[in-house]
C-alpha cells in the first residue's frame, strides 16, 4: 500500500453519478427538439475526446451534438436546438455517490491533502458538490476554465494547478478517475500515479495504463 502526500479525484462517474436515466434524458431531448433520434448516450461519450474546448456548458453541448450529428450523417444545424433542449432537462443536482465514494473521500482526508480535478465548469460542478454535501471536502478544487488557461484533462494545466496549490510534487500524488483518455492519460503524462475506476463502459481502445485498477471505490483503501 503506497503513501501519498496528496490524493486527487475526478467528479463525474468517479465520485458521483447522475440519478437521471441517460437514455430517457436523451429521448426526451430529441422529442423536445422535434427530430428523430440519431445517437445514443454511448455515442455522446465517444465523441467527447474529439471536441474543441468550450467556455460554457451550452457551448460544450453545441459542440457535442454537432459532432455526433456529423458522425451520423445528419445536418449539424440541429445541434443548437438539441443542446438547448438537453440543458432544459438535465438537472446537475440530481446526483448520488458512486458505491464507496463517500467513504473513499473521507478516508483520503485522513491520509493527506485532497484535491478535486474535474472536467466541468465551476458553476455546474459546484451545484453537484453542494447536492452531495462535499463542497468543502477538498483542499483544492480545479474546474475547467479555458479563459484562465485551465483546459480540460488530459491537458496538464488542471493537474499543475492542483499540485501547485497543494504544494506537492507529482511523484507524491495520485489521481483517481474513470476516464482512460482524460484522467489516466493526463495523470500519467504529469508523472502522477493513477487509479482507474472501471465503470464497465466501452470507452474504446485501451491506450493508457493506470498504476491501479479499481472495480469500485469500495476497494480504494487497498491502494493508498
Protein backbone atom coordinates (compact mmCIF):
# COMPACT_ATOMS: atom_id res chain seq x y z
CA UNK A 1 0.00 0.00 0.00
CA UNK A 2 1.51 3.30 -1.16
CA UNK A 3 1.60 6.51 0.85
CA UNK A 4 0.81 9.78 -0.93
CA UNK A 5 1.04 13.39 0.18
CA UNK A 6 -1.99 14.23 -1.96
CA UNK A 7 -4.92 12.32 -3.43
CA UNK A 8 -6.91 13.90 -6.26
CA UNK A 9 -10.29 12.78 -7.52
CA UNK A 10 -12.33 13.28 -10.65
CA UNK A 11 -16.01 14.05 -10.01
CA UNK A 12 -18.41 12.77 -12.69
CA UNK A 13 -18.66 8.96 -12.88
CA UNK A 14 -15.93 8.71 -10.21
CA UNK A 15 -17.25 10.24 -7.01
CA UNK A 16 -20.79 10.69 -8.27
CA UNK A 17 -23.27 9.68 -10.93
CA UNK A 18 -26.48 11.21 -12.19
CA UNK A 19 -29.78 9.80 -11.00
CA UNK A 20 -31.35 10.76 -14.33
CA UNK A 21 -31.55 7.90 -16.80
CA UNK A 22 -29.26 8.87 -19.70
CA UNK A 23 -31.34 7.11 -22.36
CA UNK A 24 -34.57 8.69 -21.14
CA UNK A 25 -32.91 12.10 -20.92
CA UNK A 26 -31.68 11.83 -24.48
CA UNK A 27 -35.03 10.55 -25.74
CA UNK A 28 -36.88 13.49 -24.19
CA UNK A 29 -34.29 15.85 -25.65
CA UNK A 30 -34.98 14.69 -29.18
CA UNK A 31 -38.74 14.78 -28.58
CA UNK A 32 -38.49 18.37 -27.35
CA UNK A 33 -36.35 19.32 -30.36
CA UNK A 34 -38.84 17.68 -32.70
CA UNK A 35 -36.38 15.47 -34.54
CA UNK A 36 -35.68 11.77 -34.84
CA UNK A 37 -33.03 10.43 -32.51
CA UNK A 38 -29.76 9.68 -34.28
CA UNK A 39 -27.44 8.86 -31.37
CA UNK A 40 -27.20 7.03 -28.06
CA UNK A 41 -25.62 8.01 -24.72
CA UNK A 42 -22.63 5.87 -25.74
CA UNK A 43 -22.28 7.92 -28.94
CA UNK A 44 -22.18 11.11 -26.88
CA UNK A 45 -19.44 9.72 -24.61
CA UNK A 46 -17.41 8.53 -27.59
CA UNK A 47 -17.46 11.99 -29.17
CA UNK A 48 -16.18 13.90 -26.13
CA UNK A 49 -12.42 13.37 -26.70
CA UNK A 50 -12.67 14.95 -30.16
CA UNK A 51 -14.48 18.15 -29.11
CA UNK A 52 -12.93 21.61 -29.11
CA UNK A 53 -12.59 23.27 -25.72
CA UNK A 54 -15.76 25.04 -24.59
CA UNK A 55 -16.11 28.05 -22.28
CA UNK A 56 -19.66 27.22 -21.14
CA UNK A 57 -21.99 24.23 -20.75
CA UNK A 58 -24.06 25.50 -23.66
CA UNK A 59 -21.03 25.75 -25.91
CA UNK A 60 -19.94 22.25 -24.87
CA UNK A 61 -23.27 20.70 -25.83
CA UNK A 62 -23.40 22.69 -29.06
CA UNK A 63 -20.04 21.11 -29.93
CA UNK A 64 -21.18 17.69 -28.74
CA UNK A 65 -24.39 17.49 -30.75
CA UNK A 66 -22.64 18.97 -33.79
CA UNK A 67 -20.03 16.22 -33.62
CA UNK A 68 -22.49 13.33 -33.20
CA UNK A 69 -24.72 14.74 -35.95
CA UNK A 70 -21.81 14.85 -38.37
CA UNK A 71 -20.81 11.30 -37.41
CA UNK A 72 -24.39 10.15 -38.08
CA UNK A 73 -24.60 11.98 -41.39
CA UNK A 74 -27.22 14.40 -40.05
CA UNK A 75 -27.41 18.14 -40.72
CA UNK A 76 -25.46 19.69 -37.81
CA UNK A 77 -27.72 22.77 -37.86
CA UNK A 78 -29.95 20.84 -35.44
CA UNK A 79 -27.22 20.92 -32.77
CA UNK A 80 -28.15 24.23 -31.05
CA UNK A 81 -31.78 23.15 -30.67
CA UNK A 82 -30.71 19.81 -29.19
CA UNK A 83 -28.21 21.46 -26.87
CA UNK A 84 -30.86 23.83 -25.52
CA UNK A 85 -33.37 21.01 -25.05
CA UNK A 86 -30.80 18.82 -23.30
CA UNK A 87 -29.83 21.55 -20.84
CA UNK A 88 -33.50 22.25 -20.09
CA UNK A 89 -33.93 18.66 -18.98
CA UNK A 90 -30.61 17.97 -17.30
CA UNK A 91 -30.55 18.56 -13.54
CA UNK A 92 -26.99 18.93 -12.17
CA UNK A 93 -28.28 18.45 -8.62
CA UNK A 94 -29.75 15.03 -9.43
CA UNK A 95 -26.63 13.15 -8.32
CA UNK A 96 -25.65 10.45 -5.86
CA UNK A 97 -22.39 8.98 -4.65
CA UNK A 98 -21.00 6.05 -6.57
CA UNK A 99 -20.52 2.92 -4.43
CA UNK A 100 -17.79 3.51 -1.86
CA UNK A 101 -17.15 7.08 -2.99
CA UNK A 102 -18.12 8.94 0.17
CA UNK A 103 -16.11 6.54 2.35
CA UNK A 104 -13.14 6.79 -0.04
CA UNK A 105 -13.19 10.57 0.17
CA UNK A 106 -13.38 10.52 3.95
CA UNK A 107 -10.52 8.01 4.11
CA UNK A 108 -8.41 10.10 1.72
CA UNK A 109 -8.77 13.08 4.05
CA UNK A 110 -7.14 11.05 6.83
CA UNK A 111 -4.16 10.25 4.59
CA UNK A 112 -3.14 13.74 3.43
CA UNK A 113 -4.26 16.60 1.20
CA UNK A 114 -7.22 16.03 -1.09
CA UNK A 115 -7.92 17.69 -4.43
CA UNK A 116 -10.71 17.74 -6.98
CA UNK A 117 -9.80 17.93 -10.68
CA UNK A 118 -12.93 17.94 -12.82
CA UNK A 119 -13.66 18.50 -16.50
CA UNK A 120 -16.58 20.76 -15.79
CA UNK A 121 -17.31 24.39 -15.17
CA UNK A 122 -17.28 25.88 -11.68
CA UNK A 123 -20.99 26.77 -11.55
CA UNK A 124 -22.38 23.38 -12.62
CA UNK A 125 -19.87 21.27 -10.72
CA UNK A 126 -20.31 23.29 -7.53
CA UNK A 127 -24.04 22.59 -7.65
CA UNK A 128 -23.24 18.87 -7.73
CA UNK A 129 -20.80 19.16 -4.84
CA UNK A 130 -23.37 21.00 -2.74
CA UNK A 131 -26.04 18.43 -3.53
CA UNK A 132 -23.67 15.72 -2.31
CA UNK A 133 -22.68 17.72 0.77
CA UNK A 134 -18.96 17.77 -0.13
CA UNK A 135 -18.43 21.33 -1.34
CA UNK A 136 -15.90 21.89 1.47
CA UNK A 137 -14.34 18.42 1.42
CA UNK A 138 -11.32 19.35 -0.72
CA UNK A 139 -8.16 21.31 -0.02
CA UNK A 140 -8.21 22.50 -3.64
CA UNK A 141 -10.85 22.37 -6.37
CA UNK A 142 -9.83 22.75 -10.01
CA UNK A 143 -12.53 23.32 -12.63
CA UNK A 144 -12.27 23.72 -16.38
CA UNK A 145 -11.77 27.45 -17.04
CA UNK A 146 -10.32 28.00 -20.53
CA UNK A 147 -10.33 31.78 -20.13
CA UNK A 148 -7.97 31.31 -17.16
CA UNK A 149 -5.78 28.82 -19.03
CA UNK A 150 -7.26 25.76 -17.29
CA UNK A 151 -8.09 23.45 -20.20
CA UNK A 152 -9.82 20.11 -19.62
CA UNK A 153 -7.95 16.92 -18.80
CA UNK A 154 -5.80 15.36 -20.23
CA UNK A 155 -4.24 18.81 -20.59
CA UNK A 156 -1.51 19.35 -17.99
CA UNK A 157 -2.93 22.66 -16.72
CA UNK A 158 -5.51 21.33 -14.22
CA UNK A 159 -3.01 18.89 -12.73
CA UNK A 160 -0.36 21.61 -12.49
CA UNK A 161 -2.85 23.95 -10.80
CA UNK A 162 -3.88 21.33 -8.24
CA UNK A 163 -0.34 20.25 -7.40
CA UNK A 164 0.85 23.83 -7.21
CA UNK A 165 -1.88 24.85 -4.77
CA UNK A 166 -1.32 21.70 -2.72
CA UNK A 167 2.46 22.24 -2.85
CA UNK A 168 3.01 18.58 -3.71
CA UNK A 169 5.38 17.02 -6.25
CA UNK A 170 3.82 14.82 -8.97
CA UNK A 171 5.56 11.67 -7.73
CA UNK A 172 3.98 12.17 -4.30
CA UNK A 173 0.41 12.29 -5.62
CA UNK A 174 -2.20 10.04 -7.16
CA UNK A 175 -5.21 10.89 -9.32
CA UNK A 176 -8.36 8.76 -9.32
CA UNK A 177 -10.76 8.86 -12.26
CA UNK A 178 -12.96 6.85 -14.60
CA UNK A 179 -11.64 8.08 -17.97
CA UNK A 180 -8.59 6.49 -19.54
CA UNK A 181 -8.39 9.37 -22.02
CA UNK A 182 -8.80 12.28 -19.61
CA UNK A 183 -7.83 11.09 -16.13
CA UNK A 184 -5.28 8.36 -16.69
CA UNK A 185 -3.54 9.84 -19.72
CA UNK A 186 -3.36 13.24 -18.04
CA UNK A 187 -2.04 11.91 -14.74
CA UNK A 188 0.48 9.62 -16.42
CA UNK A 189 1.84 12.45 -18.55
CA UNK A 190 2.33 14.59 -15.43
CA UNK A 191 4.15 11.84 -13.52
CA UNK A 192 1.38 11.14 -11.03
CA UNK A 193 0.34 7.65 -10.11
CA UNK A 194 -3.15 6.93 -11.42
CA UNK A 195 -6.09 4.80 -10.34
CA UNK A 196 -8.66 3.93 -12.98
CA UNK A 197 -12.20 3.28 -11.84
CA UNK A 198 -13.61 0.78 -14.33
CA UNK A 199 -17.31 1.60 -14.55
CA UNK A 200 -17.98 -1.03 -17.19
CA UNK A 201 -18.38 1.40 -20.09
CA UNK A 202 -16.91 0.71 -23.50
CA UNK A 203 -14.66 3.74 -23.94
CA UNK A 204 -12.74 2.48 -26.94
CA UNK A 205 -9.16 1.19 -27.20
CA UNK A 206 -7.10 0.96 -24.05
CA UNK A 207 -4.24 3.27 -24.93
CA UNK A 208 -3.25 4.32 -21.40
CA UNK A 209 -2.26 2.09 -18.50
CA UNK A 210 -3.13 3.14 -14.95
CA UNK A 211 -0.99 2.40 -11.92
CA UNK A 212 -4.00 0.73 -10.29
CA UNK A 213 -7.39 -0.52 -11.44
CA UNK A 214 -10.49 -0.46 -9.27
CA UNK A 215 -13.82 -2.11 -9.94
CA UNK A 216 -15.30 0.10 -7.23
CA UNK A 217 -14.15 2.77 -4.81
CA UNK A 218 -15.13 0.31 -2.09
CA UNK A 219 -11.61 -1.10 -2.51
CA UNK A 220 -9.92 2.32 -2.52
CA UNK A 221 -8.18 1.77 0.83
CA UNK A 222 -6.15 -1.09 -0.66
CA UNK A 223 -4.10 1.27 -2.85
CA UNK A 224 -3.40 4.20 -0.54
